Amino acid sequence: MDDNNKDKLYKPNASTDSNAKSGFSYEIERDIQENVQKFKDPIVLGELVYKLLEERENTNRILKNLLAKIEALEQKLEIKQQMEEPEELLVPEIDEKIIAFVKESGKVTAEDVRAKFGYKGKNAASSRLNRLYELGLVKKKQVGKKVFFFL
């Protein structure tokens, strides 16, 4: 240990009497004796009980507020989950076939749907796929000029 750290160590007051207590031990013992004497006074005990009661009331108030906030959050979460739960959507038979085709193929374009289902133009197939996307039944991603739909 270097000399700088030796100065920081606790050193009890050196006493000429080897039986004498250190200054630190004496202070602790004196504080304990003073507190024991204070606790014998009924007024001090009454004050402590009153402070304890106040703290308990504050704690209960805080816990009540926390519980109310937790219940409000649980209600919001429950409402959100109810909104997110997909209701069984009724879609036309052709849309069910398109979804099955997307599932079977992995990913499709409007041109694929047009060719498979015999639409005259790409616009009809594209609008069907976009409607399914808006309903959340398929996902889409544009790559260059093509738009791919997938599950």
C-alpha atoms as a PDB file:
ATOM      1  CA  MET A   1       0.000   0.000   0.000  1.00  0.00           C
ATOM      2  CA  ASP A   2       1.436   3.389  -0.909  1.00  0.00           C
ATOM      3  CA  ASP A   3       1.860   6.280   1.523  1.00  0.00           C
ATOM      4  CA  ASN A   4      -1.099   8.259   0.115  1.00  0.00           C
ATOM      5  CA  ASN A   5      -3.568   5.446   0.895  1.00  0.00           C
ATOM      6  CA  LYS A   6      -2.176   4.899   4.402  1.00  0.00           C
ATOM      7  CA  ASP A   7      -3.254   8.428   5.303  1.00  0.00           C
ATOM      8  CA  LYS A   8      -6.858   7.650   4.304  1.00  0.00           C
ATOM      9  CA  LEU A   9      -7.249   4.644   6.620  1.00  0.00           C
ATOM     10  CA  TYR A  10      -9.232   5.016   9.834  1.00  0.00           C
ATOM     11  CA  LYS A  11      -6.924   5.334  12.773  1.00  0.00           C
ATOM     12  CA  PRO A  12      -8.409   5.372  16.276  1.00  0.00           C
ATOM     13  CA  ASN A  13      -7.105   8.027  18.591  1.00  0.00           C
ATOM     14  CA  ALA A  14      -4.041   6.733  20.302  1.00  0.00           C
ATOM     15  CA  SER A  15      -4.572   6.679  24.009  1.00  0.00           C
ATOM     16  CA  THR A  16      -2.045   6.469  26.781  1.00  0.00           C
ATOM     17  CA  ASP A  17      -4.273   3.965  28.576  1.00  0.00           C
ATOM     18  CA  SER A  18      -4.370   0.653  26.700  1.00  0.00           C
ATOM     19  CA  ASN A  19      -7.802  -0.141  28.199  1.00  0.00           C
ATOM     20  CA  ALA A  20      -9.354   3.126  26.979  1.00  0.00           C
ATOM     21  CA  LYS A  21     -11.881   2.853  24.135  1.00  0.00           C
ATOM     22  CA  SER A  22     -11.211   4.448  20.791  1.00  0.00           C
ATOM     23  CA  GLY A  23     -12.911   7.746  19.992  1.00  0.00           C
ATOM     24  CA  PHE A  24     -15.076   6.102  17.325  1.00  0.00           C
ATOM     25  CA  SER A  25     -16.345   3.318  19.599  1.00  0.00           C
ATOM     26  CA  TYR A  26     -17.038   5.820  22.319  1.00  0.00           C
ATOM     27  CA  GLU A  27     -19.117   8.008  19.968  1.00  0.00           C
ATOM     28  CA  ILE A  28     -21.213   5.062  18.813  1.00  0.00           C
ATOM     29  CA  GLU A  29     -21.810   3.850  22.349  1.00  0.00           C
ATOM     30  CA  ARG A  30     -22.778   7.353  23.471  1.00  0.00           C
ATOM     31  CA  ASP A  31     -25.252   7.742  20.571  1.00  0.00           C
ATOM     32  CA  ILE A  32     -26.860   4.397  21.371  1.00  0.00           C
ATOM     33  CA  GLN A  33     -27.255   5.313  25.034  1.00  0.00           C
ATOM     34  CA  GLU A  34     -28.816   8.676  24.122  1.00  0.00           C
ATOM     35  CA  ASN A  35     -31.297   7.017  21.769  1.00  0.00           C
ATOM     36  CA  VAL A  36     -32.236   4.378  24.355  1.00  0.00           C
ATOM     37  CA  GLN A  37     -32.961   7.176  26.802  1.00  0.00           C
ATOM     38  CA  LYS A  38     -35.078   9.002  24.196  1.00  0.00           C
ATOM     39  CA  PHE A  39     -37.144   5.864  23.497  1.00  0.00           C
ATOM     40  CA  LYS A  40     -38.103   5.671  27.161  1.00  0.00           C
ATOM     41  CA  ASP A  41     -39.987   8.954  26.755  1.00  0.00           C
ATOM     42  CA  PRO A  42     -43.653   8.282  25.749  1.00  0.00           C
ATOM     43  CA  ILE A  43     -43.848  11.551  23.794  1.00  0.00           C
ATOM     44  CA  VAL A  44     -40.954  10.484  21.526  1.00  0.00           C
ATOM     45  CA  LEU A  45     -42.582   7.083  20.997  1.00  0.00           C
ATOM     46  CA  GLY A  46     -45.877   8.802  20.187  1.00  0.00           C
ATOM     47  CA  GLU A  47     -44.148  11.016  17.618  1.00  0.00           C
ATOM     48  CA  LEU A  48     -42.497   7.988  16.006  1.00  0.00           C
ATOM     49  CA  VAL A  49     -45.813   6.131  15.796  1.00  0.00           C
ATOM     50  CA  TYR A  50     -47.458   9.234  14.297  1.00  0.00           C
ATOM     51  CA  LYS A  51     -44.673   9.568  11.681  1.00  0.00           C
ATOM     52  CA  LEU A  52     -45.002   5.870  10.899  1.00  0.00           C
ATOM     53  CA  LEU A  53     -48.754   6.293  10.416  1.00  0.00           C
ATOM     54  CA  GLU A  54     -48.230   9.268   8.099  1.00  0.00           C
ATOM     55  CA  GLU A  55     -45.716   7.336   6.007  1.00  0.00           C
ATOM     56  CA  ARG A  56     -48.066   4.382   5.788  1.00  0.00           C
ATOM     57  CA  GLU A  57     -50.911   6.624   4.597  1.00  0.00           C
ATOM     58  CA  ASN A  58     -48.622   8.187   1.976  1.00  0.00           C
ATOM     59  CA  THR A  59     -47.515   4.756   0.811  1.00  0.00           C
ATOM     60  CA  ASN A  60     -51.122   3.571   0.558  1.00  0.00           C
ATOM     61  CA  ARG A  61     -52.031   6.693  -1.447  1.00  0.00           C
ATOM     62  CA  ILE A  62     -49.138   6.094  -3.846  1.00  0.00           C
ATOM     63  CA  LEU A  63     -50.067   2.418  -4.233  1.00  0.00           C
ATOM     64  CA  LYS A  64     -53.707   3.354  -4.892  1.00  0.00           C
ATOM     65  CA  ASN A  65     -52.626   5.778  -7.652  1.00  0.00           C
ATOM     66  CA  LEU A  66     -50.317   3.167  -9.179  1.00  0.00           C
ATOM     67  CA  LEU A  67     -53.088   0.573  -9.116  1.00  0.00           C
ATOM     68  CA  ALA A  68     -55.481   2.977 -10.858  1.00  0.00           C
ATOM     69  CA  LYS A  69     -52.883   3.688 -13.556  1.00  0.00           C
ATOM     70  CA  ILE A  70     -52.190  -0.019 -14.061  1.00  0.00           C
ATOM     71  CA  GLU A  71     -55.918  -0.732 -14.409  1.00  0.00           C
ATOM     72  CA  ALA A  72     -56.262   2.079 -16.963  1.00  0.00           C
ATOM     73  CA  LEU A  73     -53.334   0.667 -18.961  1.00  0.00           C
ATOM     74  CA  GLU A  74     -54.833  -2.824 -18.824  1.00  0.00           C
ATOM     75  CA  GLN A  75     -58.133  -1.477 -20.162  1.00  0.00           C
ATOM     76  CA  LYS A  76     -56.365   0.332 -23.012  1.00  0.00           C
ATOM     77  CA  LEU A  77     -54.393  -2.815 -23.831  1.00  0.00           C
ATOM     78  CA  GLU A  78     -57.547  -4.914 -23.812  1.00  0.00           C
ATOM     79  CA  ILE A  79     -59.316  -2.477 -26.152  1.00  0.00           C
ATOM     80  CA  LYS A  80     -56.288  -2.437 -28.470  1.00  0.00           C
ATOM     81  CA  GLN A  81     -56.162  -6.231 -28.531  1.00  0.00           C
ATOM     82  CA  GLN A  82     -59.865  -6.422 -29.317  1.00  0.00           C
ATOM     83  CA  MET A  83     -59.355  -4.021 -32.193  1.00  0.00           C
ATOM     84  CA  GLU A  84     -56.398  -6.029 -33.495  1.00  0.00           C
ATOM     85  CA  GLU A  85     -58.149  -9.386 -33.292  1.00  0.00           C
ATOM     86  CA  PRO A  86     -59.050 -10.149 -36.840  1.00  0.00           C
ATOM     87  CA  GLU A  87     -62.684 -10.824 -37.308  1.00  0.00           C
ATOM     88  CA  GLU A  88     -63.437 -13.410 -39.880  1.00  0.00           C
ATOM     89  CA  LEU A  89     -63.722 -11.383 -43.020  1.00  0.00           C
ATOM     90  CA  LEU A  90     -66.192 -12.453 -45.606  1.00  0.00           C
ATOM     91  CA  VAL A  91     -64.701 -11.961 -49.033  1.00  0.00           C
ATOM     92  CA  PRO A  92     -66.013 -12.925 -52.438  1.00  0.00           C
ATOM     93  CA  GLU A  93     -65.136 -16.373 -53.728  1.00  0.00           C
ATOM     94  CA  ILE A  94     -62.795 -14.919 -56.357  1.00  0.00           C
ATOM     95  CA  ASP A  95     -60.794 -13.161 -53.615  1.00  0.00           C
ATOM     96  CA  GLU A  96     -60.526 -16.444 -51.710  1.00  0.00           C
ATOM     97  CA  LYS A  97     -59.171 -18.052 -54.870  1.00  0.00           C
ATOM     98  CA  ILE A  98     -56.683 -15.199 -55.319  1.00  0.00           C
ATOM     99  CA  ILE A  99     -55.501 -15.613 -51.714  1.00  0.00           C
ATOM    100  CA  ALA A 100     -55.099 -19.351 -52.283  1.00  0.00           C
ATOM    101  CA  PHE A 101     -53.113 -18.591 -55.457  1.00  0.00           C
ATOM    102  CA  VAL A 102     -50.841 -16.186 -53.550  1.00  0.00           C
ATOM    103  CA  LYS A 103     -50.326 -18.776 -50.814  1.00  0.00           C
ATOM    104  CA  GLU A 104     -49.564 -21.451 -53.404  1.00  0.00           C
ATOM    105  CA  SER A 105     -47.187 -19.265 -55.445  1.00  0.00           C
ATOM    106  CA  GLY A 106     -45.461 -17.473 -52.582  1.00  0.00           C
ATOM    107  CA  LYS A 107     -45.540 -14.097 -54.368  1.00  0.00           C
ATOM    108  CA  VAL A 108     -47.528 -12.809 -57.307  1.00  0.00           C
ATOM    109  CA  THR A 109     -47.956  -9.695 -59.428  1.00  0.00           C
ATOM    110  CA  ALA A 110     -51.120  -8.263 -60.933  1.00  0.00           C
ATOM    111  CA  GLU A 111     -50.018  -9.749 -64.263  1.00  0.00           C
ATOM    112  CA  ASP A 112     -49.851 -13.243 -62.684  1.00  0.00           C
ATOM    113  CA  VAL A 113     -53.380 -12.861 -61.300  1.00  0.00           C
ATOM    114  CA  ARG A 114     -54.652 -11.497 -64.654  1.00  0.00           C
ATOM    115  CA  ALA A 115     -53.233 -14.496 -66.509  1.00  0.00           C
ATOM    116  CA  LYS A 116     -54.444 -17.076 -63.963  1.00  0.00           C
ATOM    117  CA  PHE A 117     -58.002 -15.765 -63.596  1.00  0.00           C
ATOM    118  CA  GLY A 118     -58.580 -14.524 -67.145  1.00  0.00           C
ATOM    119  CA  TYR A 119     -58.992 -10.808 -66.514  1.00  0.00           C
ATOM    120  CA  LYS A 120     -58.888  -8.725 -69.712  1.00  0.00           C
ATOM    121  CA  GLY A 121     -56.640  -6.047 -68.180  1.00  0.00           C
ATOM    122  CA  LYS A 122     -54.102  -5.703 -65.391  1.00  0.00           C
ATOM    123  CA  ASN A 123     -56.176  -2.964 -63.686  1.00  0.00           C
ATOM    124  CA  ALA A 124     -58.905  -5.339 -62.478  1.00  0.00           C
ATOM    125  CA  ALA A 125     -56.358  -7.776 -61.038  1.00  0.00           C
ATOM    126  CA  SER A 126     -54.393  -4.922 -59.484  1.00  0.00           C
ATOM    127  CA  SER A 127     -57.488  -3.442 -57.815  1.00  0.00           C
ATOM    128  CA  ARG A 128     -58.453  -6.867 -56.404  1.00  0.00           C
ATOM    129  CA  LEU A 129     -54.951  -7.353 -54.975  1.00  0.00           C
ATOM    130  CA  ASN A 130     -54.883  -3.829 -53.532  1.00  0.00           C
ATOM    131  CA  ARG A 131     -58.260  -4.397 -51.873  1.00  0.00           C
ATOM    132  CA  LEU A 132     -56.912  -7.568 -50.254  1.00  0.00           C
ATOM    133  CA  TYR A 133     -53.869  -5.571 -49.122  1.00  0.00           C
ATOM    134  CA  GLU A 134     -56.096  -2.882 -47.547  1.00  0.00           C
ATOM    135  CA  LEU A 135     -58.022  -5.591 -45.688  1.00  0.00           C
ATOM    136  CA  GLY A 136     -54.716  -6.896 -44.352  1.00  0.00           C
ATOM    137  CA  LEU A 137     -55.075 -10.270 -46.041  1.00  0.00           C
ATOM    138  CA  VAL A 138     -51.941  -9.902 -48.175  1.00  0.00           C
ATOM    139  CA  LYS A 139     -48.776  -7.819 -47.988  1.00  0.00           C
ATOM    140  CA  LYS A 140     -47.138  -5.971 -50.839  1.00  0.00           C
ATOM    141  CA  LYS A 141     -43.725  -4.718 -51.821  1.00  0.00           C
ATOM    142  CA  GLN A 142     -42.635  -2.736 -54.845  1.00  0.00           C
ATOM    143  CA  VAL A 143     -39.478  -3.878 -56.612  1.00  0.00           C
ATOM    144  CA  GLY A 144     -38.653  -1.629 -59.511  1.00  0.00           C
ATOM    145  CA  LYS A 145     -41.777  -1.241 -61.629  1.00  0.00           C
ATOM    146  CA  LYS A 146     -43.384  -4.443 -60.346  1.00  0.00           C
ATOM    147  CA  VAL A 147     -45.475  -4.761 -57.212  1.00  0.00           C
ATOM    148  CA  PHE A 148     -45.352  -8.163 -55.544  1.00  0.00           C
ATOM    149  CA  PHE A 149     -48.119  -9.435 -53.270  1.00  0.00           C
ATOM    150  CA  PHE A 150     -47.438 -12.153 -50.713  1.00  0.00           C
ATOM    151  CA  LEU A 151     -48.660 -13.527 -47.394  1.00  0.00           C
END
